[in-house]
PDB file of N, CA and C in Angstrom:
ATOM      1  N   MET A   1     -10.886 -30.280   6.855  1.00  0.00           N
ATOM      2  CA  MET A   1      -9.895 -30.280   8.230  1.00  0.00           C
ATOM      3  C   MET A   1     -10.728 -31.061   9.277  1.00  0.00           C
ATOM      4  N   LYS A   2     -10.021 -31.920   9.858  1.00  0.00           N
ATOM      5  CA  LYS A   2     -10.440 -32.686  10.852  1.00  0.00           C
ATOM      6  C   LYS A   2     -10.474 -32.071  12.110  1.00  0.00           C
ATOM      7  N   ARG A   3     -11.441 -31.960  12.889  1.00  0.00           N
ATOM      8  CA  ARG A   3     -11.435 -31.447  14.240  1.00  0.00           C
ATOM      9  C   ARG A   3     -11.106 -32.439  15.134  1.00  0.00           C
ATOM     10  N   TYR A   4     -10.422 -32.242  16.161  1.00  0.00           N
ATOM     11  CA  TYR A   4     -10.063 -33.073  17.214  1.00  0.00           C
ATOM     12  C   TYR A   4     -10.762 -32.642  18.472  1.00  0.00           C
ATOM     13  N   SER A   5     -10.963 -33.646  19.513  1.00  0.00           N
ATOM     14  CA  SER A   5     -11.502 -33.125  20.846  1.00  0.00           C
ATOM     15  C   SER A   5     -10.833 -31.996  21.529  1.00  0.00           C
ATOM     16  N   SER A   6     -11.578 -31.187  22.112  1.00  0.00           N
ATOM     17  CA  SER A   6     -11.003 -29.976  22.888  1.00  0.00           C
ATOM     18  C   SER A   6     -10.120 -30.445  23.906  1.00  0.00           C
ATOM     19  N   ARG A   7      -9.080 -29.831  24.389  1.00  0.00           N
ATOM     20  CA  ARG A   7      -8.184 -30.153  25.509  1.00  0.00           C
ATOM     21  C   ARG A   7      -8.046 -29.090  26.471  1.00  0.00           C
ATOM     22  N   ALA A   8      -8.039 -29.457  27.664  1.00  0.00           N
ATOM     23  CA  ALA A   8      -7.957 -28.388  28.691  1.00  0.00           C
ATOM     24  C   ALA A   8      -6.321 -28.079  28.956  1.00  0.00           C
ATOM     25  N   ILE A   9      -6.021 -26.900  29.277  1.00  0.00           N
ATOM     26  CA  ILE A   9      -4.719 -26.599  29.778  1.00  0.00           C
ATOM     27  C   ILE A   9      -4.568 -26.910  31.241  1.00  0.00           C
ATOM     28  N   ASP A  10      -3.466 -27.493  31.460  1.00  0.00           N
ATOM     29  CA  ASP A  10      -3.483 -27.942  33.149  1.00  0.00           C
ATOM     30  C   ASP A  10      -2.759 -26.743  33.790  1.00  0.00           C
ATOM     31  N   GLU A  11      -2.608 -27.237  35.043  1.00  0.00           N
ATOM     32  CA  GLU A  11      -2.101 -26.066  35.983  1.00  0.00           C
ATOM     33  C   GLU A  11      -0.741 -25.786  35.772  1.00  0.00           C
ATOM     34  N   ALA A  12      -0.024 -26.672  35.008  1.00  0.00           N
ATOM     35  CA  ALA A  12       1.507 -26.318  34.592  1.00  0.00           C
ATOM     36  C   ALA A  12       1.641 -25.773  33.285  1.00  0.00           C
ATOM     37  N   SER A  13       0.404 -25.315  32.568  1.00  0.00           N
ATOM     38  CA  SER A  13       0.326 -24.717  31.398  1.00  0.00           C
ATOM     39  C   SER A  13       0.727 -25.761  30.293  1.00  0.00           C
ATOM     40  N   ARG A  14       0.516 -27.043  30.459  1.00  0.00           N
ATOM     41  CA  ARG A  14       0.524 -28.002  29.408  1.00  0.00           C
ATOM     42  C   ARG A  14      -0.711 -28.294  28.788  1.00  0.00           C
ATOM     43  N   ILE A  15      -0.582 -28.800  27.464  1.00  0.00           N
ATOM     44  CA  ILE A  15      -1.628 -29.516  26.715  1.00  0.00           C
ATOM     45  C   ILE A  15      -1.315 -30.644  26.207  1.00  0.00           C
ATOM     46  N   VAL A  16      -2.139 -31.592  26.046  1.00  0.00           N
ATOM     47  CA  VAL A  16      -1.981 -32.930  25.548  1.00  0.00           C
ATOM     48  C   VAL A  16      -2.281 -32.897  24.051  1.00  0.00           C
ATOM     49  N   ILE A  17      -1.444 -33.311  23.018  1.00  0.00           N
ATOM     50  CA  ILE A  17      -1.748 -33.237  21.589  1.00  0.00           C
ATOM     51  C   ILE A  17      -2.479 -34.611  21.526  1.00  0.00           C
ATOM     52  N   HIS A  18      -3.659 -34.643  20.859  1.00  0.00           N
ATOM     53  CA  HIS A  18      -4.418 -35.884  20.812  1.00  0.00           C
ATOM     54  C   HIS A  18      -3.421 -37.008  19.875  1.00  0.00           C
ATOM     55  N   SER A  19      -3.315 -38.206  20.216  1.00  0.00           N
ATOM     56  CA  SER A  19      -2.616 -39.269  19.611  1.00  0.00           C
ATOM     57  C   SER A  19      -2.729 -39.370  18.398  1.00  0.00           C
ATOM     58  N   GLU A  20      -3.879 -39.373  17.856  1.00  0.00           N
ATOM     59  CA  GLU A  20      -4.120 -39.583  16.285  1.00  0.00           C
ATOM     60  C   GLU A  20      -3.377 -38.235  15.629  1.00  0.00           C
ATOM     61  N   LEU A  21      -3.472 -37.016  16.153  1.00  0.00           N
ATOM     62  CA  LEU A  21      -2.789 -35.951  15.561  1.00  0.00           C
ATOM     63  C   LEU A  21      -1.262 -36.129  15.466  1.00  0.00           C
ATOM     64  N   ARG A  22      -0.754 -36.598  16.803  1.00  0.00           N
ATOM     65  CA  ARG A  22       0.619 -36.835  16.836  1.00  0.00           C
ATOM     66  C   ARG A  22       1.036 -37.991  15.761  1.00  0.00           C
ATOM     67  N   GLN A  23       0.202 -38.930  15.404  1.00  0.00           N
ATOM     68  CA  GLN A  23       0.623 -39.879  14.347  1.00  0.00           C
ATOM     69  C   GLN A  23       0.638 -39.279  13.157  1.00  0.00           C
ATOM     70  N   ARG A  24      -0.616 -38.469  12.765  1.00  0.00           N
ATOM     71  CA  ARG A  24      -0.533 -37.845  11.401  1.00  0.00           C
ATOM     72  C   ARG A  24       0.635 -37.060  11.263  1.00  0.00           C
ATOM     73  N   LEU A  25       0.934 -36.282  12.349  1.00  0.00           N
ATOM     74  CA  LEU A  25       2.265 -35.340  12.151  1.00  0.00           C
ATOM     75  C   LEU A  25       3.543 -35.955  12.342  1.00  0.00           C
ATOM     76  N   ASN A  26       3.436 -37.328  12.593  1.00  0.00           N
ATOM     77  CA  ASN A  26       4.772 -37.985  12.756  1.00  0.00           C
ATOM     78  C   ASN A  26       5.581 -37.377  14.019  1.00  0.00           C
ATOM     79  N   LEU A  27       4.915 -37.095  15.029  1.00  0.00           N
ATOM     80  CA  LEU A  27       5.547 -36.578  16.211  1.00  0.00           C
ATOM     81  C   LEU A  27       5.780 -37.685  17.226  1.00  0.00           C
ATOM     82  N   SER A  28       6.969 -37.731  17.809  1.00  0.00           N
ATOM     83  CA  SER A  28       7.242 -38.536  19.039  1.00  0.00           C
ATOM     84  C   SER A  28       8.039 -37.795  19.861  1.00  0.00           C
ATOM     85  N   ALA A  29       7.911 -38.405  21.296  1.00  0.00           N
ATOM     86  CA  ALA A  29       8.705 -37.774  22.239  1.00  0.00           C
ATOM     87  C   ALA A  29      10.192 -37.524  21.828  1.00  0.00           C
ATOM     88  N   GLY A  30      10.399 -36.020  22.245  1.00  0.00           N
ATOM     89  CA  GLY A  30      11.724 -35.350  21.926  1.00  0.00           C
ATOM     90  C   GLY A  30      11.681 -34.565  20.681  1.00  0.00           C
ATOM     91  N   ASP A  31      10.692 -34.726  19.819  1.00  0.00           N
ATOM     92  CA  ASP A  31      10.359 -33.892  18.428  1.00  0.00           C
ATOM     93  C   ASP A  31      10.129 -32.481  18.742  1.00  0.00           C
ATOM     94  N   LYS A  32      10.576 -31.665  17.936  1.00  0.00           N
ATOM     95  CA  LYS A  32      10.321 -30.095  18.492  1.00  0.00           C
ATOM     96  C   LYS A  32       9.240 -29.887  17.556  1.00  0.00           C
ATOM     97  N   ILE A  33       8.234 -28.891  17.982  1.00  0.00           N
ATOM     98  CA  ILE A  33       7.182 -28.372  17.148  1.00  0.00           C
ATOM     99  C   ILE A  33       7.312 -26.918  17.275  1.00  0.00           C
ATOM    100  N   SER A  34       6.689 -26.135  16.266  1.00  0.00           N
ATOM    101  CA  SER A  34       6.687 -24.782  16.619  1.00  0.00           C
ATOM    102  C   SER A  34       5.234 -24.182  16.696  1.00  0.00           C
ATOM    103  N   LEU A  35       5.036 -23.270  17.479  1.00  0.00           N
ATOM    104  CA  LEU A  35       3.605 -22.716  17.631  1.00  0.00           C
ATOM    105  C   LEU A  35       3.845 -21.264  17.235  1.00  0.00           C
ATOM    106  N   ARG A  36       2.692 -20.996  16.473  1.00  0.00           N
ATOM    107  CA  ARG A  36       2.611 -19.412  15.942  1.00  0.00           C
ATOM    108  C   ARG A  36       1.058 -19.050  16.302  1.00  0.00           C
ATOM    109  N   ARG A  37       1.210 -17.836  16.794  1.00  0.00           N
ATOM    110  CA  ARG A  37      -0.109 -17.270  16.910  1.00  0.00           C
ATOM    111  C   ARG A  37      -0.540 -16.320  15.887  1.00  0.00           C
ATOM    112  N   VAL A  38      -1.858 -16.453  15.147  1.00  0.00           N
ATOM    113  CA  VAL A  38      -2.494 -15.564  14.294  1.00  0.00           C
ATOM    114  C   VAL A  38      -3.773 -15.108  14.852  1.00  0.00           C
ATOM    115  N   ASP A  39      -3.850 -13.876  15.316  1.00  0.00           N
ATOM    116  CA  ASP A  39      -5.113 -13.553  15.937  1.00  0.00           C
ATOM    117  C   ASP A  39      -5.506 -14.357  17.244  1.00  0.00           C
ATOM    118  N   SER A  40      -6.590 -15.022  17.063  1.00  0.00           N
ATOM    119  CA  SER A  40      -6.722 -15.849  18.323  1.00  0.00           C
ATOM    120  C   SER A  40      -6.558 -17.312  18.120  1.00  0.00           C
ATOM    121  N   ILE A  41      -5.826 -17.783  16.864  1.00  0.00           N
ATOM    122  CA  ILE A  41      -5.678 -18.939  16.455  1.00  0.00           C
ATOM    123  C   ILE A  41      -4.083 -19.522  16.799  1.00  0.00           C
ATOM    124  N   VAL A  42      -3.885 -20.622  17.365  1.00  0.00           N
ATOM    125  CA  VAL A  42      -2.444 -21.188  17.525  1.00  0.00           C
ATOM    126  C   VAL A  42      -2.204 -22.221  16.393  1.00  0.00           C
ATOM    127  N   ILE A  43      -1.289 -21.892  15.729  1.00  0.00           N
ATOM    128  CA  ILE A  43      -0.941 -22.932  14.653  1.00  0.00           C
ATOM    129  C   ILE A  43       0.135 -23.838  15.295  1.00  0.00           C
ATOM    130  N   LEU A  44       0.154 -25.177  15.084  1.00  0.00           N
ATOM    131  CA  LEU A  44       1.189 -26.109  15.578  1.00  0.00           C
ATOM    132  C   LEU A  44       1.556 -26.866  14.343  1.00  0.00           C
ATOM    133  N   GLN A  45       2.835 -26.969  14.155  1.00  0.00           N
ATOM    134  CA  GLN A  45       3.501 -27.647  12.996  1.00  0.00           C
ATOM    135  C   GLN A  45       4.793 -28.147  13.544  1.00  0.00           C
ATOM    136  N   LYS A  46       5.133 -29.293  12.813  1.00  0.00           N
ATOM    137  CA  LYS A  46       6.589 -29.823  13.126  1.00  0.00           C
ATOM    138  C   LYS A  46       7.528 -28.948  12.896  1.00  0.00           C
ATOM    139  N   ALA A  47       8.558 -28.602  13.840  1.00  0.00           N
ATOM    140  CA  ALA A  47       9.506 -27.497  13.574  1.00  0.00           C
ATOM    141  C   ALA A  47      10.489 -28.057  12.473  1.00  0.00           C
ATOM    142  N   ASP A  48      10.730 -26.843  11.484  1.00  0.00           N
ATOM    143  CA  ASP A  48      11.642 -26.993  10.303  1.00  0.00           C
ATOM    144  C   ASP A  48      12.738 -26.194  10.528  1.00  0.00           C
ATOM    145  N   GLY A  49      12.973 -25.455  11.357  1.00  0.00           N
ATOM    146  CA  GLY A  49      14.035 -24.465  11.431  1.00  0.00           C
ATOM    147  C   GLY A  49      13.768 -23.328  12.205  1.00  0.00           C
ATOM    148  N   GLY A  50      14.253 -22.231  11.776  1.00  0.00           N
ATOM    149  CA  GLY A  50      14.249 -20.928  12.705  1.00  0.00           C
ATOM    150  C   GLY A  50      13.228 -20.057  12.086  1.00  0.00           C
ATOM    151  N   ASP A  51      11.963 -20.094  12.337  1.00  0.00           N
ATOM    152  CA  ASP A  51      10.916 -19.140  12.082  1.00  0.00           C
ATOM    153  C   ASP A  51      10.877 -18.159  13.225  1.00  0.00           C
ATOM    154  N   ALA A  52      11.224 -16.997  13.004  1.00  0.00           N
ATOM    155  CA  ALA A  52      11.443 -15.872  13.885  1.00  0.00           C
ATOM    156  C   ALA A  52      10.009 -15.611  14.537  1.00  0.00           C
ATOM    157  N   ASP A  53       9.007 -15.807  14.027  1.00  0.00           N
ATOM    158  CA  ASP A  53       7.735 -15.497  14.510  1.00  0.00           C
ATOM    159  C   ASP A  53       6.969 -16.507  15.153  1.00  0.00           C
ATOM    160  N   SER A  54       7.745 -17.837  15.570  1.00  0.00           N
ATOM    161  CA  SER A  54       7.197 -18.655  16.369  1.00  0.00           C
ATOM    162  C   SER A  54       7.973 -19.125  17.514  1.00  0.00           C
ATOM    163  N   PHE A  55       7.410 -19.831  18.222  1.00  0.00           N
ATOM    164  CA  PHE A  55       7.909 -20.479  19.508  1.00  0.00           C
ATOM    165  C   PHE A  55       8.209 -22.052  19.237  1.00  0.00           C
ATOM    166  N   SER A  56       9.481 -22.493  19.543  1.00  0.00           N
ATOM    167  CA  SER A  56       9.764 -23.938  19.479  1.00  0.00           C
ATOM    168  C   SER A  56       9.585 -24.417  20.938  1.00  0.00           C
ATOM    169  N   VAL A  57       8.828 -25.705  20.849  1.00  0.00           N
ATOM    170  CA  VAL A  57       8.619 -26.497  22.116  1.00  0.00           C
ATOM    171  C   VAL A  57       8.735 -27.862  21.861  1.00  0.00           C
ATOM    172  N   GLN A  58       9.014 -28.688  22.889  1.00  0.00           N
ATOM    173  CA  GLN A  58       9.565 -30.154  22.859  1.00  0.00           C
ATOM    174  C   GLN A  58       8.186 -31.014  23.128  1.00  0.00           C
ATOM    175  N   VAL A  59       7.882 -32.136  22.405  1.00  0.00           N
ATOM    176  CA  VAL A  59       6.921 -32.976  22.837  1.00  0.00           C
ATOM    177  C   VAL A  59       7.461 -33.890  23.813  1.00  0.00           C
ATOM    178  N   ASN A  60       6.850 -34.064  24.836  1.00  0.00           N
ATOM    179  CA  ASN A  60       7.352 -35.087  25.826  1.00  0.00           C
ATOM    180  C   ASN A  60       6.792 -36.488  25.620  1.00  0.00           C
ATOM    181  N   ASP A  61       7.274 -37.482  26.590  1.00  0.00           N
ATOM    182  CA  ASP A  61       6.753 -38.917  26.229  1.00  0.00           C
ATOM    183  C   ASP A  61       5.325 -39.191  26.519  1.00  0.00           C
ATOM    184  N   LEU A  62       4.613 -38.290  27.229  1.00  0.00           N
ATOM    185  CA  LEU A  62       3.209 -38.328  27.546  1.00  0.00           C
ATOM    186  C   LEU A  62       2.425 -37.673  26.228  1.00  0.00           C
ATOM    187  N   GLY A  63       3.125 -36.986  25.196  1.00  0.00           N
ATOM    188  CA  GLY A  63       2.518 -36.319  24.170  1.00  0.00           C
ATOM    189  C   GLY A  63       2.016 -35.041  24.612  1.00  0.00           C
ATOM    190  N   THR A  64       2.576 -34.388  25.646  1.00  0.00           N
ATOM    191  CA  THR A  64       2.204 -32.945  26.163  1.00  0.00           C
ATOM    192  C   THR A  64       3.247 -31.945  25.588  1.00  0.00           C
ATOM    193  N   ILE A  65       2.699 -30.835  25.472  1.00  0.00           N
ATOM    194  CA  ILE A  65       3.627 -29.797  25.319  1.00  0.00           C
ATOM    195  C   ILE A  65       3.403 -28.488  26.341  1.00  0.00           C
ATOM    196  N   ASP A  66       4.454 -27.758  26.769  1.00  0.00           N
ATOM    197  CA  ASP A  66       4.405 -26.664  27.555  1.00  0.00           C
ATOM    198  C   ASP A  66       3.997 -25.437  26.818  1.00  0.00           C
ATOM    199  N   LEU A  67       3.021 -24.786  26.988  1.00  0.00           N
ATOM    200  CA  LEU A  67       2.513 -23.585  26.105  1.00  0.00           C
ATOM    201  C   LEU A  67       3.322 -22.369  26.597  1.00  0.00           C
ATOM    202  N   PRO A  68       4.094 -21.636  25.802  1.00  0.00           N
ATOM    203  CA  PRO A  68       4.880 -20.469  26.150  1.00  0.00           C
ATOM    204  C   PRO A  68       3.719 -19.478  26.801  1.00  0.00           C
ATOM    205  N   ALA A  69       4.381 -18.695  27.681  1.00  0.00           N
ATOM    206  CA  ALA A  69       3.461 -17.717  28.333  1.00  0.00           C
ATOM    207  C   ALA A  69       2.781 -16.653  27.302  1.00  0.00           C
ATOM    208  N   GLU A  70       3.547 -16.435  26.347  1.00  0.00           N
ATOM    209  CA  GLU A  70       2.989 -15.432  25.292  1.00  0.00           C
ATOM    210  C   GLU A  70       1.828 -15.908  24.504  1.00  0.00           C
ATOM    211  N   LEU A  71       1.527 -17.205  24.601  1.00  0.00           N
ATOM    212  CA  LEU A  71       0.380 -17.830  23.777  1.00  0.00           C
ATOM    213  C   LEU A  71      -0.696 -18.149  24.729  1.00  0.00           C
ATOM    214  N   ARG A  72      -0.580 -18.063  26.293  1.00  0.00           N
ATOM    215  CA  ARG A  72      -1.626 -18.360  27.080  1.00  0.00           C
ATOM    216  C   ARG A  72      -2.572 -17.224  27.090  1.00  0.00           C
TER     217      ARG A  72
END
């Protein structure tokens, strides 16, 4: 598993998804991803539907996502 550089959460609770990771996941602006917390790990994946245990967020044109309060 490849590790990407760490990213800081900004004052608006956003995080930038590394451009190489966005390319590997085929993510572009407007795409939805789901975030799921397992213990202290947040799992990010391209949204595929209604997973009741995950949060759906949208990638913006700068490659950032807003982290839901439940995951901060």
